[in-house]
Amino acid sequence: MPEEDLVDIKFRIYDGSDIGPFRYSATSTVDMLKQRIVSDWPKGKTIVPKSVNEVKLISSGKILENNKTVGLCKVPFGEVPGGAIIMHVVVQPSLAKAKTEAIFILSLFASFLISSH
């Protein structure tokens, strides 16, 4: 693979620390990047993505779509001679999971209220 088809990318997480940089081919998808983020997430962080679906990648103010390739995403970056592209990582637990947890908590509370009478 030609060297110019490879891109160095660092992932900046919520506390300002980075994951990477890693070298990716222009044909790598955003979904592949997210898989790497989840597998290499630093230990001891208070927020931890449980799956790729909880990770959003942001670059140049845009949320990147899973099926886009690095080659397509790097166009707005311009030239980054000798440096790594920085993508920001947002961890957003799935809405369905949050709703399920809220319903569970409410049902526990309701059970407590009923049993205390």
PDB file of N, CA and C in Angstrom:
ATOM      1  N   MET A   1       0.845  -1.177   0.000  1.00  0.00           N
ATOM      2  CA  MET A   1       0.000   0.000   0.000  1.00  0.00           C
ATOM      3  C   MET A   1       0.890   1.240   0.000  1.00  0.00           C
ATOM      4  N   PRO A   2       0.650   2.169  -0.911  1.00  0.00           N
ATOM      5  CA  PRO A   2       1.469   3.381  -0.953  1.00  0.00           C
ATOM      6  C   PRO A   2       1.368   4.171   0.350  1.00  0.00           C
ATOM      7  N   GLU A   3       2.469   4.762   0.742  1.00  0.00           N
ATOM      8  CA  GLU A   3       2.540   5.531   1.991  1.00  0.00           C
ATOM      9  C   GLU A   3       1.506   6.660   2.028  1.00  0.00           C
ATOM     10  N   GLU A   4       1.219   7.284   0.866  1.00  0.00           N
ATOM     11  CA  GLU A   4       0.277   8.409   0.856  1.00  0.00           C
ATOM     12  C   GLU A   4      -1.162   7.969   1.109  1.00  0.00           C
ATOM     13  N   ASP A   5      -1.433   6.652   1.020  1.00  0.00           N
ATOM     14  CA  ASP A   5      -2.770   6.147   1.313  1.00  0.00           C
ATOM     15  C   ASP A   5      -2.964   5.848   2.797  1.00  0.00           C
ATOM     16  N   LEU A   6      -1.923   6.055   3.597  1.00  0.00           N
ATOM     17  CA  LEU A   6      -2.014   5.831   5.031  1.00  0.00           C
ATOM     18  C   LEU A   6      -2.159   7.153   5.764  1.00  0.00           C
ATOM     19  N   VAL A   7      -2.986   7.125   6.816  1.00  0.00           N
ATOM     20  CA  VAL A   7      -3.275   8.333   7.585  1.00  0.00           C
ATOM     21  C   VAL A   7      -3.064   8.022   9.060  1.00  0.00           C
ATOM     22  N   ASP A   8      -2.352   8.893   9.770  1.00  0.00           N
ATOM     23  CA  ASP A   8      -2.197   8.762  11.219  1.00  0.00           C
ATOM     24  C   ASP A   8      -3.351   9.495  11.894  1.00  0.00           C
ATOM     25  N   ILE A   9      -4.029   8.781  12.809  1.00  0.00           N
ATOM     26  CA  ILE A   9      -5.176   9.364  13.504  1.00  0.00           C
ATOM     27  C   ILE A   9      -5.025   9.144  15.001  1.00  0.00           C
ATOM     28  N   LYS A  10      -5.256  10.224  15.772  1.00  0.00           N
ATOM     29  CA  LYS A  10      -5.330  10.155  17.231  1.00  0.00           C
ATOM     30  C   LYS A  10      -6.778  10.410  17.612  1.00  0.00           C
ATOM     31  N   PHE A  11      -7.218   9.760  18.670  1.00  0.00           N
ATOM     32  CA  PHE A  11      -8.577   9.935  19.150  1.00  0.00           C
ATOM     33  C   PHE A  11      -8.531  10.634  20.501  1.00  0.00           C
ATOM     34  N   ARG A  12      -9.096  11.816  20.587  1.00  0.00           N
ATOM     35  CA  ARG A  12      -9.102  12.600  21.828  1.00  0.00           C
ATOM     36  C   ARG A  12     -10.393  12.328  22.580  1.00  0.00           C
ATOM     37  N   ILE A  13     -10.258  11.855  23.832  1.00  0.00           N
ATOM     38  CA  ILE A  13     -11.441  11.540  24.623  1.00  0.00           C
ATOM     39  C   ILE A  13     -11.778  12.689  25.573  1.00  0.00           C
ATOM     40  N   TYR A  14     -12.867  12.536  26.301  1.00  0.00           N
ATOM     41  CA  TYR A  14     -13.487  13.613  27.083  1.00  0.00           C
ATOM     42  C   TYR A  14     -12.562  14.313  28.070  1.00  0.00           C
ATOM     43  N   ASP A  15     -11.553  13.632  28.581  1.00  0.00           N
ATOM     44  CA  ASP A  15     -10.680  14.266  29.575  1.00  0.00           C
ATOM     45  C   ASP A  15      -9.415  14.869  28.962  1.00  0.00           C
ATOM     46  N   GLY A  16      -9.357  14.903  27.636  1.00  0.00           N
ATOM     47  CA  GLY A  16      -8.216  15.492  26.944  1.00  0.00           C
ATOM     48  C   GLY A  16      -7.092  14.517  26.641  1.00  0.00           C
ATOM     49  N   SER A  17      -7.200  13.285  27.136  1.00  0.00           N
ATOM     50  CA  SER A  17      -6.167  12.300  26.820  1.00  0.00           C
ATOM     51  C   SER A  17      -6.453  11.687  25.444  1.00  0.00           C
ATOM     52  N   ASP A  18      -5.432  11.066  24.885  1.00  0.00           N
ATOM     53  CA  ASP A  18      -5.534  10.525  23.533  1.00  0.00           C
ATOM     54  C   ASP A  18      -5.400   9.013  23.518  1.00  0.00           C
ATOM     55  N   ILE A  19      -6.034   8.418  22.524  1.00  0.00           N
ATOM     56  CA  ILE A  19      -5.833   7.018  22.181  1.00  0.00           C
ATOM     57  C   ILE A  19      -5.124   7.057  20.828  1.00  0.00           C
ATOM     58  N   GLY A  20      -3.977   6.423  20.750  1.00  0.00           N
ATOM     59  CA  GLY A  20      -3.229   6.445  19.481  1.00  0.00           C
ATOM     60  C   GLY A  20      -2.062   7.405  19.567  1.00  0.00           C
ATOM     61  N   PRO A  21      -1.479   7.739  18.449  1.00  0.00           N
ATOM     62  CA  PRO A  21      -1.992   7.624  17.080  1.00  0.00           C
ATOM     63  C   PRO A  21      -1.835   6.210  16.512  1.00  0.00           C
ATOM     64  N   PHE A  22      -2.720   5.914  15.575  1.00  0.00           N
ATOM     65  CA  PHE A  22      -2.682   4.676  14.820  1.00  0.00           C
ATOM     66  C   PHE A  22      -2.671   5.028  13.349  1.00  0.00           C
ATOM     67  N   ARG A  23      -2.115   4.149  12.563  1.00  0.00           N
ATOM     68  CA  ARG A  23      -2.046   4.358  11.113  1.00  0.00           C
ATOM     69  C   ARG A  23      -3.148   3.545  10.449  1.00  0.00           C
ATOM     70  N   TYR A  24      -3.924   4.216   9.611  1.00  0.00           N
ATOM     71  CA  TYR A  24      -5.041   3.577   8.913  1.00  0.00           C
ATOM     72  C   TYR A  24      -4.913   3.789   7.414  1.00  0.00           C
ATOM     73  N   SER A  25      -5.441   2.823   6.669  1.00  0.00           N
ATOM     74  CA  SER A  25      -5.489   2.995   5.215  1.00  0.00           C
ATOM     75  C   SER A  25      -6.684   3.886   4.879  1.00  0.00           C
ATOM     76  N   ALA A  26      -6.640   4.485   3.713  1.00  0.00           N
ATOM     77  CA  ALA A  26      -7.724   5.360   3.262  1.00  0.00           C
ATOM     78  C   ALA A  26      -9.027   4.594   3.092  1.00  0.00           C
ATOM     79  N   THR A  27      -8.949   3.262   2.979  1.00  0.00           N
ATOM     80  CA  THR A  27     -10.157   2.458   2.797  1.00  0.00           C
ATOM     81  C   THR A  27     -10.771   1.973   4.114  1.00  0.00           C
ATOM     82  N   SER A  28     -10.120   2.243   5.237  1.00  0.00           N
ATOM     83  CA  SER A  28     -10.681   1.872   6.541  1.00  0.00           C
ATOM     84  C   SER A  28     -11.960   2.670   6.773  1.00  0.00           C
ATOM     85  N   THR A  29     -12.954   2.022   7.383  1.00  0.00           N
ATOM     86  CA  THR A  29     -14.218   2.718   7.638  1.00  0.00           C
ATOM     87  C   THR A  29     -14.227   3.333   9.038  1.00  0.00           C
ATOM     88  N   VAL A  30     -15.121   4.284   9.232  1.00  0.00           N
ATOM     89  CA  VAL A  30     -15.304   4.900  10.546  1.00  0.00           C
ATOM     90  C   VAL A  30     -15.687   3.825  11.559  1.00  0.00           C
ATOM     91  N   ASP A  31     -16.483   2.849  11.149  1.00  0.00           N
ATOM     92  CA  ASP A  31     -16.851   1.750  12.033  1.00  0.00           C
ATOM     93  C   ASP A  31     -15.608   1.002  12.521  1.00  0.00           C
ATOM     94  N   MET A  32     -14.637   0.790  11.645  1.00  0.00           N
ATOM     95  CA  MET A  32     -13.389   0.128  12.039  1.00  0.00           C
ATOM     96  C   MET A  32     -12.627   0.970  13.067  1.00  0.00           C
ATOM     97  N   LEU A  33     -12.632   2.287  12.890  1.00  0.00           N
ATOM     98  CA  LEU A  33     -11.973   3.175  13.856  1.00  0.00           C
ATOM     99  C   LEU A  33     -12.637   3.054  15.222  1.00  0.00           C
ATOM    100  N   LYS A  34     -13.963   3.019  15.226  1.00  0.00           N
ATOM    101  CA  LYS A  34     -14.709   2.914  16.483  1.00  0.00           C
ATOM    102  C   LYS A  34     -14.414   1.584  17.177  1.00  0.00           C
ATOM    103  N   GLN A  35     -14.276   0.510  16.413  1.00  0.00           N
ATOM    104  CA  GLN A  35     -13.942  -0.779  17.008  1.00  0.00           C
ATOM    105  C   GLN A  35     -12.594  -0.707  17.719  1.00  0.00           C
ATOM    106  N   ARG A  36     -11.649  -0.022  17.108  1.00  0.00           N
ATOM    107  CA  ARG A  36     -10.320   0.137  17.719  1.00  0.00           C
ATOM    108  C   ARG A  36     -10.417   0.964  19.003  1.00  0.00           C
ATOM    109  N   ILE A  37     -11.226   2.007  18.973  1.00  0.00           N
ATOM    110  CA  ILE A  37     -11.404   2.862  20.154  1.00  0.00           C
ATOM    111  C   ILE A  37     -11.960   2.045  21.315  1.00  0.00           C
ATOM    112  N   VAL A  38     -13.006   1.270  21.063  1.00  0.00           N
ATOM    113  CA  VAL A  38     -13.623   0.468  22.128  1.00  0.00           C
ATOM    114  C   VAL A  38     -12.629  -0.554  22.669  1.00  0.00           C
ATOM    115  N   SER A  39     -11.878  -1.207  21.793  1.00  0.00           N
ATOM    116  CA  SER A  39     -10.941  -2.245  22.254  1.00  0.00           C
ATOM    117  C   SER A  39      -9.723  -1.658  22.977  1.00  0.00           C
ATOM    118  N   ASP A  40      -9.314  -0.438  22.625  1.00  0.00           N
ATOM    119  CA  ASP A  40      -8.129   0.176  23.233  1.00  0.00           C
ATOM    120  C   ASP A  40      -8.466   1.259  24.263  1.00  0.00           C
ATOM    121  N   TRP A  41      -9.717   1.312  24.723  1.00  0.00           N
ATOM    122  CA  TRP A  41     -10.134   2.343  25.674  1.00  0.00           C
ATOM    123  C   TRP A  41      -9.272   2.253  26.925  1.00  0.00           C
ATOM    124  N   PRO A  42      -8.735   3.381  27.405  1.00  0.00           N
ATOM    125  CA  PRO A  42      -7.857   3.358  28.585  1.00  0.00           C
ATOM    126  C   PRO A  42      -8.574   2.863  29.842  1.00  0.00           C
ATOM    127  N   LYS A  43      -7.859   2.101  30.635  1.00  0.00           N
ATOM    128  CA  LYS A  43      -8.398   1.581  31.894  1.00  0.00           C
ATOM    129  C   LYS A  43      -8.534   2.717  32.913  1.00  0.00           C
ATOM    130  N   GLY A  44      -9.502   2.586  33.804  1.00  0.00           N
ATOM    131  CA  GLY A  44      -9.661   3.530  34.894  1.00  0.00           C
ATOM    132  C   GLY A  44     -10.455   4.782  34.565  1.00  0.00           C
ATOM    133  N   LYS A  45     -11.024   4.884  33.392  1.00  0.00           N
ATOM    134  CA  LYS A  45     -11.833   6.055  33.029  1.00  0.00           C
ATOM    135  C   LYS A  45     -13.236   5.880  33.590  1.00  0.00           C
ATOM    136  N   THR A  46     -13.872   6.990  33.976  1.00  0.00           N
ATOM    137  CA  THR A  46     -15.211   6.909  34.548  1.00  0.00           C
ATOM    138  C   THR A  46     -16.273   6.637  33.490  1.00  0.00           C
ATOM    139  N   ILE A  47     -16.048   7.075  32.276  1.00  0.00           N
ATOM    140  CA  ILE A  47     -16.967   6.825  31.177  1.00  0.00           C
ATOM    141  C   ILE A  47     -16.298   5.827  30.240  1.00  0.00           C
ATOM    142  N   VAL A  48     -16.985   4.720  29.994  1.00  0.00           N
ATOM    143  CA  VAL A  48     -16.422   3.647  29.160  1.00  0.00           C
ATOM    144  C   VAL A  48     -17.478   3.210  28.151  1.00  0.00           C
ATOM    145  N   PRO A  49     -17.159   3.238  26.856  1.00  0.00           N
ATOM    146  CA  PRO A  49     -18.126   2.750  25.876  1.00  0.00           C
ATOM    147  C   PRO A  49     -18.245   1.232  25.959  1.00  0.00           C
ATOM    148  N   LYS A  50     -19.469   0.751  25.943  1.00  0.00           N
ATOM    149  CA  LYS A  50     -19.707  -0.693  26.009  1.00  0.00           C
ATOM    150  C   LYS A  50     -19.741  -1.312  24.616  1.00  0.00           C
ATOM    151  N   SER A  51     -20.027  -0.486  23.602  1.00  0.00           N
ATOM    152  CA  SER A  51     -20.086  -0.989  22.233  1.00  0.00           C
ATOM    153  C   SER A  51     -19.772   0.133  21.257  1.00  0.00           C
ATOM    154  N   VAL A  52     -19.564  -0.247  20.014  1.00  0.00           N
ATOM    155  CA  VAL A  52     -19.287   0.712  18.942  1.00  0.00           C
ATOM    156  C   VAL A  52     -20.449   1.688  18.781  1.00  0.00           C
ATOM    157  N   ASN A  53     -21.672   1.220  19.042  1.00  0.00           N
ATOM    158  CA  ASN A  53     -22.858   2.071  18.884  1.00  0.00           C
ATOM    159  C   ASN A  53     -22.893   3.238  19.856  1.00  0.00           C
ATOM    160  N   GLU A  54     -22.140   3.154  20.937  1.00  0.00           N
ATOM    161  CA  GLU A  54     -22.103   4.236  21.915  1.00  0.00           C
ATOM    162  C   GLU A  54     -21.042   5.290  21.600  1.00  0.00           C
ATOM    163  N   VAL A  55     -20.262   5.064  20.552  1.00  0.00           N
ATOM    164  CA  VAL A  55     -19.159   5.967  20.202  1.00  0.00           C
ATOM    165  C   VAL A  55     -19.540   6.832  19.008  1.00  0.00           C
ATOM    166  N   LYS A  56     -19.316   8.131  19.150  1.00  0.00           N
ATOM    167  CA  LYS A  56     -19.473   9.077  18.046  1.00  0.00           C
ATOM    168  C   LYS A  56     -18.097   9.684  17.791  1.00  0.00           C
ATOM    169  N   LEU A  57     -17.710   9.743  16.512  1.00  0.00           N
ATOM    170  CA  LEU A  57     -16.450  10.384  16.131  1.00  0.00           C
ATOM    171  C   LEU A  57     -16.770  11.714  15.481  1.00  0.00           C
ATOM    172  N   ILE A  58     -16.069  12.747  15.915  1.00  0.00           N
ATOM    173  CA  ILE A  58     -16.293  14.086  15.393  1.00  0.00           C
ATOM    174  C   ILE A  58     -14.986  14.617  14.825  1.00  0.00           C
ATOM    175  N   SER A  59     -15.088  15.142  13.625  1.00  0.00           N
ATOM    176  CA  SER A  59     -13.930  15.750  12.991  1.00  0.00           C
ATOM    177  C   SER A  59     -14.410  16.961  12.202  1.00  0.00           C
ATOM    178  N   SER A  60     -13.705  18.054  12.345  1.00  0.00           N
ATOM    179  CA  SER A  60     -14.067  19.311  11.687  1.00  0.00           C
ATOM    180  C   SER A  60     -15.516  19.685  11.973  1.00  0.00           C
ATOM    181  N   GLY A  61     -15.962  19.407  13.200  1.00  0.00           N
ATOM    182  CA  GLY A  61     -17.308  19.781  13.617  1.00  0.00           C
ATOM    183  C   GLY A  61     -18.409  18.888  13.080  1.00  0.00           C
ATOM    184  N   LYS A  62     -18.049  17.775  12.455  1.00  0.00           N
ATOM    185  CA  LYS A  62     -19.059  16.885  11.880  1.00  0.00           C
ATOM    186  C   LYS A  62     -18.975  15.508  12.509  1.00  0.00           C
ATOM    187  N   ILE A  63     -20.154  14.928  12.781  1.00  0.00           N
ATOM    188  CA  ILE A  63     -20.208  13.549  13.246  1.00  0.00           C
ATOM    189  C   ILE A  63     -20.007  12.662  12.031  1.00  0.00           C
ATOM    190  N   LEU A  64     -19.051  11.753  12.131  1.00  0.00           N
ATOM    191  CA  LEU A  64     -18.708  10.892  11.003  1.00  0.00           C
ATOM    192  C   LEU A  64     -19.609   9.661  10.961  1.00  0.00           C
ATOM    193  N   GLU A  65     -20.068   9.327   9.776  1.00  0.00           N
ATOM    194  CA  GLU A  65     -20.949   8.178   9.576  1.00  0.00           C
ATOM    195  C   GLU A  65     -20.140   6.892   9.506  1.00  0.00           C
ATOM    196  N   ASN A  66     -20.689   5.809  10.074  1.00  0.00           N
ATOM    197  CA  ASN A  66     -19.990   4.529  10.170  1.00  0.00           C
ATOM    198  C   ASN A  66     -19.515   3.976   8.837  1.00  0.00           C
ATOM    199  N   ASN A  67     -20.274   4.180   7.779  1.00  0.00           N
ATOM    200  CA  ASN A  67     -19.919   3.565   6.499  1.00  0.00           C
ATOM    201  C   ASN A  67     -18.942   4.398   5.674  1.00  0.00           C
ATOM    202  N   LYS A  68     -18.592   5.596   6.126  1.00  0.00           N
ATOM    203  CA  LYS A  68     -17.630   6.439   5.410  1.00  0.00           C
ATOM    204  C   LYS A  68     -16.222   5.908   5.619  1.00  0.00           C
ATOM    205  N   THR A  69     -15.377   6.123   4.613  1.00  0.00           N
ATOM    206  CA  THR A  69     -13.987   5.689   4.729  1.00  0.00           C
ATOM    207  C   THR A  69     -13.116   6.833   5.236  1.00  0.00           C
ATOM    208  N   VAL A  70     -11.954   6.476   5.734  1.00  0.00           N
ATOM    209  CA  VAL A  70     -10.986   7.476   6.183  1.00  0.00           C
ATOM    210  C   VAL A  70     -10.635   8.403   5.018  1.00  0.00           C
ATOM    211  N   GLY A  71     -10.506   7.836   3.835  1.00  0.00           N
ATOM    212  CA  GLY A  71     -10.199   8.647   2.655  1.00  0.00           C
ATOM    213  C   GLY A  71     -11.241   9.710   2.399  1.00  0.00           C
ATOM    214  N   LEU A  72     -12.505   9.364   2.572  1.00  0.00           N
ATOM    215  CA  LEU A  72     -13.576  10.340   2.378  1.00  0.00           C
ATOM    216  C   LEU A  72     -13.609  11.363   3.508  1.00  0.00           C
ATOM    217  N   CYS A  73     -13.297  10.925   4.714  1.00  0.00           N
ATOM    218  CA  CYS A  73     -13.357  11.815   5.881  1.00  0.00           C
ATOM    219  C   CYS A  73     -12.178  12.771   5.952  1.00  0.00           C
ATOM    220  N   LYS A  74     -11.050  12.412   5.332  1.00  0.00           N
ATOM    221  CA  LYS A  74      -9.865  13.255   5.492  1.00  0.00           C
ATOM    222  C   LYS A  74      -9.867  14.473   4.587  1.00  0.00           C
ATOM    223  N   VAL A  75     -10.762  14.524   3.621  1.00  0.00           N
ATOM    224  CA  VAL A  75     -10.807  15.660   2.694  1.00  0.00           C
ATOM    225  C   VAL A  75     -10.898  16.998   3.419  1.00  0.00           C
ATOM    226  N   PRO A  76     -11.812  17.159   4.398  1.00  0.00           N
ATOM    227  CA  PRO A  76     -11.899  18.477   5.043  1.00  0.00           C
ATOM    228  C   PRO A  76     -10.708  18.834   5.921  1.00  0.00           C
ATOM    229  N   PHE A  77      -9.854  17.866   6.233  1.00  0.00           N
ATOM    230  CA  PHE A  77      -8.737  18.132   7.127  1.00  0.00           C
ATOM    231  C   PHE A  77      -7.648  18.959   6.455  1.00  0.00           C
ATOM    232  N   GLY A  78      -7.582  18.885   5.141  1.00  0.00           N
ATOM    233  CA  GLY A  78      -6.483  19.551   4.455  1.00  0.00           C
ATOM    234  C   GLY A  78      -5.205  18.769   4.678  1.00  0.00           C
ATOM    235  N   GLU A  79      -4.114  19.426   4.481  1.00  0.00           N
ATOM    236  CA  GLU A  79      -2.824  18.760   4.632  1.00  0.00           C
ATOM    237  C   GLU A  79      -2.375  18.797   6.084  1.00  0.00           C
ATOM    238  N   VAL A  80      -1.918  17.679   6.561  1.00  0.00           N
ATOM    239  CA  VAL A  80      -1.367  17.575   7.912  1.00  0.00           C
ATOM    240  C   VAL A  80       0.014  16.954   7.774  1.00  0.00           C
ATOM    241  N   PRO A  81       0.992  17.739   7.294  1.00  0.00           N
ATOM    242  CA  PRO A  81       2.311  17.156   7.046  1.00  0.00           C
ATOM    243  C   PRO A  81       2.966  16.672   8.333  1.00  0.00           C
ATOM    244  N   GLY A  82       3.302  15.388   8.334  1.00  0.00           N
ATOM    245  CA  GLY A  82       4.033  14.817   9.464  1.00  0.00           C
ATOM    246  C   GLY A  82       3.264  14.735  10.759  1.00  0.00           C
ATOM    247  N   GLY A  83       2.000  15.092  10.764  1.00  0.00           N
ATOM    248  CA  GLY A  83       1.236  15.063  12.004  1.00  0.00           C
ATOM    249  C   GLY A  83       0.049  14.140  11.905  1.00  0.00           C
ATOM    250  N   ALA A  84      -0.533  13.852  13.051  1.00  0.00           N
ATOM    251  CA  ALA A  84      -1.701  12.976  13.092  1.00  0.00           C
ATOM    252  C   ALA A  84      -2.969  13.821  13.069  1.00  0.00           C
ATOM    253  N   ILE A  85      -3.975  13.301  12.433  1.00  0.00           N
ATOM    254  CA  ILE A  85      -5.299  13.913  12.461  1.00  0.00           C
ATOM    255  C   ILE A  85      -5.900  13.598  13.821  1.00  0.00           C
ATOM    256  N   ILE A  86      -6.533  14.580  14.445  1.00  0.00           N
ATOM    257  CA  ILE A  86      -7.170  14.365  15.738  1.00  0.00           C
ATOM    258  C   ILE A  86      -8.676  14.319  15.532  1.00  0.00           C
ATOM    259  N   MET A  87      -9.275  13.222  15.978  1.00  0.00           N
ATOM    260  CA  MET A  87     -10.728  13.084  15.958  1.00  0.00           C
ATOM    261  C   MET A  87     -11.199  13.051  17.403  1.00  0.00           C
ATOM    262  N   HIS A  88     -12.279  13.760  17.667  1.00  0.00           N
ATOM    263  CA  HIS A  88     -12.829  13.796  19.016  1.00  0.00           C
ATOM    264  C   HIS A  88     -13.827  12.660  19.192  1.00  0.00           C
ATOM    265  N   VAL A  89     -13.787  12.062  20.377  1.00  0.00           N
ATOM    266  CA  VAL A  89     -14.633  10.915  20.685  1.00  0.00           C
ATOM    267  C   VAL A  89     -15.670  11.328  21.722  1.00  0.00           C
ATOM    268  N   VAL A  90     -16.930  11.037  21.417  1.00  0.00           N
ATOM    269  CA  VAL A  90     -18.016  11.261  22.358  1.00  0.00           C
ATOM    270  C   VAL A  90     -18.630   9.901  22.662  1.00  0.00           C
ATOM    271  N   VAL A  91     -18.794   9.605  23.945  1.00  0.00           N
ATOM    272  CA  VAL A  91     -19.451   8.369  24.342  1.00  0.00           C
ATOM    273  C   VAL A  91     -20.869   8.728  24.736  1.00  0.00           C
ATOM    274  N   GLN A  92     -21.810   8.100  24.054  1.00  0.00           N
ATOM    275  CA  GLN A  92     -23.220   8.392  24.272  1.00  0.00           C
ATOM    276  C   GLN A  92     -23.963   7.068  24.430  1.00  0.00           C
ATOM    277  N   PRO A  93     -24.289   6.693  25.687  1.00  0.00           N
ATOM    278  CA  PRO A  93     -25.011   5.433  25.884  1.00  0.00           C
ATOM    279  C   PRO A  93     -26.301   5.424  25.068  1.00  0.00           C
ATOM    280  N   SER A  94     -26.663   4.249  24.599  1.00  0.00           N
ATOM    281  CA  SER A  94     -27.842   4.157  23.744  1.00  0.00           C
ATOM    282  C   SER A  94     -29.089   4.600  24.492  1.00  0.00           C
ATOM    283  N   LEU A  95     -29.995   5.253  23.779  1.00  0.00           N
ATOM    284  CA  LEU A  95     -31.229   5.758  24.357  1.00  0.00           C
ATOM    285  C   LEU A  95     -32.090   4.613  24.867  1.00  0.00           C
ATOM    286  N   ALA A  96     -32.125   3.518  24.136  1.00  0.00           N
ATOM    287  CA  ALA A  96     -32.920   2.359  24.555  1.00  0.00           C
ATOM    288  C   ALA A  96     -32.435   1.842  25.906  1.00  0.00           C
ATOM    289  N   LYS A  97     -31.116   1.781  26.084  1.00  0.00           N
ATOM    290  CA  LYS A  97     -30.557   1.309  27.347  1.00  0.00           C
ATOM    291  C   LYS A  97     -30.923   2.267  28.478  1.00  0.00           C
ATOM    292  N   ALA A  98     -30.800   3.563  28.230  1.00  0.00           N
ATOM    293  CA  ALA A  98     -31.133   4.560  29.249  1.00  0.00           C
ATOM    294  C   ALA A  98     -32.604   4.458  29.634  1.00  0.00           C
ATOM    295  N   LYS A  99     -33.480   4.257  28.643  1.00  0.00           N
ATOM    296  CA  LYS A  99     -34.908   4.117  28.923  1.00  0.00           C
ATOM    297  C   LYS A  99     -35.163   2.856  29.733  1.00  0.00           C
ATOM    298  N   THR A 100     -34.514   1.760  29.368  1.00  0.00           N
ATOM    299  CA  THR A 100     -34.681   0.496  30.080  1.00  0.00           C
ATOM    300  C   THR A 100     -34.246   0.647  31.528  1.00  0.00           C
ATOM    301  N   GLU A 101     -33.109   1.312  31.755  1.00  0.00           N
ATOM    302  CA  GLU A 101     -32.628   1.525  33.126  1.00  0.00           C
ATOM    303  C   GLU A 101     -33.591   2.405  33.908  1.00  0.00           C
ATOM    304  N   ALA A 102     -34.137   3.437  33.281  1.00  0.00           N
ATOM    305  CA  ALA A 102     -35.081   4.328  33.951  1.00  0.00           C
ATOM    306  C   ALA A 102     -36.349   3.564  34.320  1.00  0.00           C
ATOM    307  N   ILE A 103     -36.859   2.732  33.423  1.00  0.00           N
ATOM    308  CA  ILE A 103     -38.058   1.943  33.698  1.00  0.00           C
ATOM    309  C   ILE A 103     -37.784   0.977  34.846  1.00  0.00           C
ATOM    310  N   PHE A 104     -36.610   0.360  34.850  1.00  0.00           N
ATOM    311  CA  PHE A 104     -36.244  -0.560  35.920  1.00  0.00           C
ATOM    312  C   PHE A 104     -36.217   0.161  37.268  1.00  0.00           C
ATOM    313  N   ILE A 105     -35.607   1.327  37.299  1.00  0.00           N
ATOM    314  CA  ILE A 105     -35.519   2.099  38.543  1.00  0.00           C
ATOM    315  C   ILE A 105     -36.919   2.509  39.010  1.00  0.00           C
ATOM    316  N   LEU A 106     -37.753   2.965  38.086  1.00  0.00           N
ATOM    317  CA  LEU A 106     -39.120   3.348  38.443  1.00  0.00           C
ATOM    318  C   LEU A 106     -39.913   2.159  38.959  1.00  0.00           C
ATOM    319  N   SER A 107     -39.735   0.980  38.347  1.00  0.00           N
ATOM    320  CA  SER A 107     -40.466  -0.202  38.812  1.00  0.00           C
ATOM    321  C   SER A 107     -39.983  -0.622  40.204  1.00  0.00           C
ATOM    322  N   LEU A 108     -38.696  -0.496  40.469  1.00  0.00           N
ATOM    323  CA  LEU A 108     -38.188  -0.784  41.818  1.00  0.00           C
ATOM    324  C   LEU A 108     -38.782   0.175  42.842  1.00  0.00           C
ATOM    325  N   PHE A 109     -38.827   1.445  42.472  1.00  0.00           N
ATOM    326  CA  PHE A 109     -39.380   2.467  43.369  1.00  0.00           C
ATOM    327  C   PHE A 109     -40.858   2.195  43.619  1.00  0.00           C
ATOM    328  N   ALA A 110     -41.599   1.849  42.564  1.00  0.00           N
ATOM    329  CA  ALA A 110     -43.028   1.544  42.706  1.00  0.00           C
ATOM    330  C   ALA A 110     -43.228   0.334  43.603  1.00  0.00           C
ATOM    331  N   SER A 111     -42.397  -0.695  43.405  1.00  0.00           N
ATOM    332  CA  SER A 111     -42.479  -1.884  44.256  1.00  0.00           C
ATOM    333  C   SER A 111     -42.220  -1.529  45.715  1.00  0.00           C
ATOM    334  N   PHE A 112     -41.256  -0.664  45.950  1.00  0.00           N
ATOM    335  CA  PHE A 112     -40.944  -0.233  47.314  1.00  0.00           C
ATOM    336  C   PHE A 112     -42.125   0.505  47.928  1.00  0.00           C
ATOM    337  N   LEU A 113     -42.738   1.403  47.156  1.00  0.00           N
ATOM    338  CA  LEU A 113     -43.883   2.164  47.660  1.00  0.00           C
ATOM    339  C   LEU A 113     -45.048   1.247  47.994  1.00  0.00           C
ATOM    340  N   ILE A 114     -45.290   0.278  47.130  1.00  0.00           N
ATOM    341  CA  ILE A 114     -46.414  -0.650  47.354  1.00  0.00           C
ATOM    342  C   ILE A 114     -46.150  -1.522  48.577  1.00  0.00           C
ATOM    343  N   SER A 115     -44.930  -2.004  48.706  1.00  0.00           N
ATOM    344  CA  SER A 115     -44.613  -2.895  49.823  1.00  0.00           C
ATOM    345  C   SER A 115     -44.536  -2.157  51.152  1.00  0.00           C
ATOM    346  N   SER A 116     -44.309  -0.858  51.133  1.00  0.00           N
ATOM    347  CA  SER A 116     -44.206  -0.104  52.394  1.00  0.00           C
ATOM    348  C   SER A 116     -45.569   0.294  52.938  1.00  0.00           C
ATOM    349  N   HIS A 117     -46.640   0.043  52.189  1.00  0.00           N
ATOM    350  CA  HIS A 117     -47.980   0.377  52.672  1.00  0.00           C
ATOM    351  C   HIS A 117     -48.675  -0.783  53.261  1.00  0.00           C
TER     352      HIS A 117
END
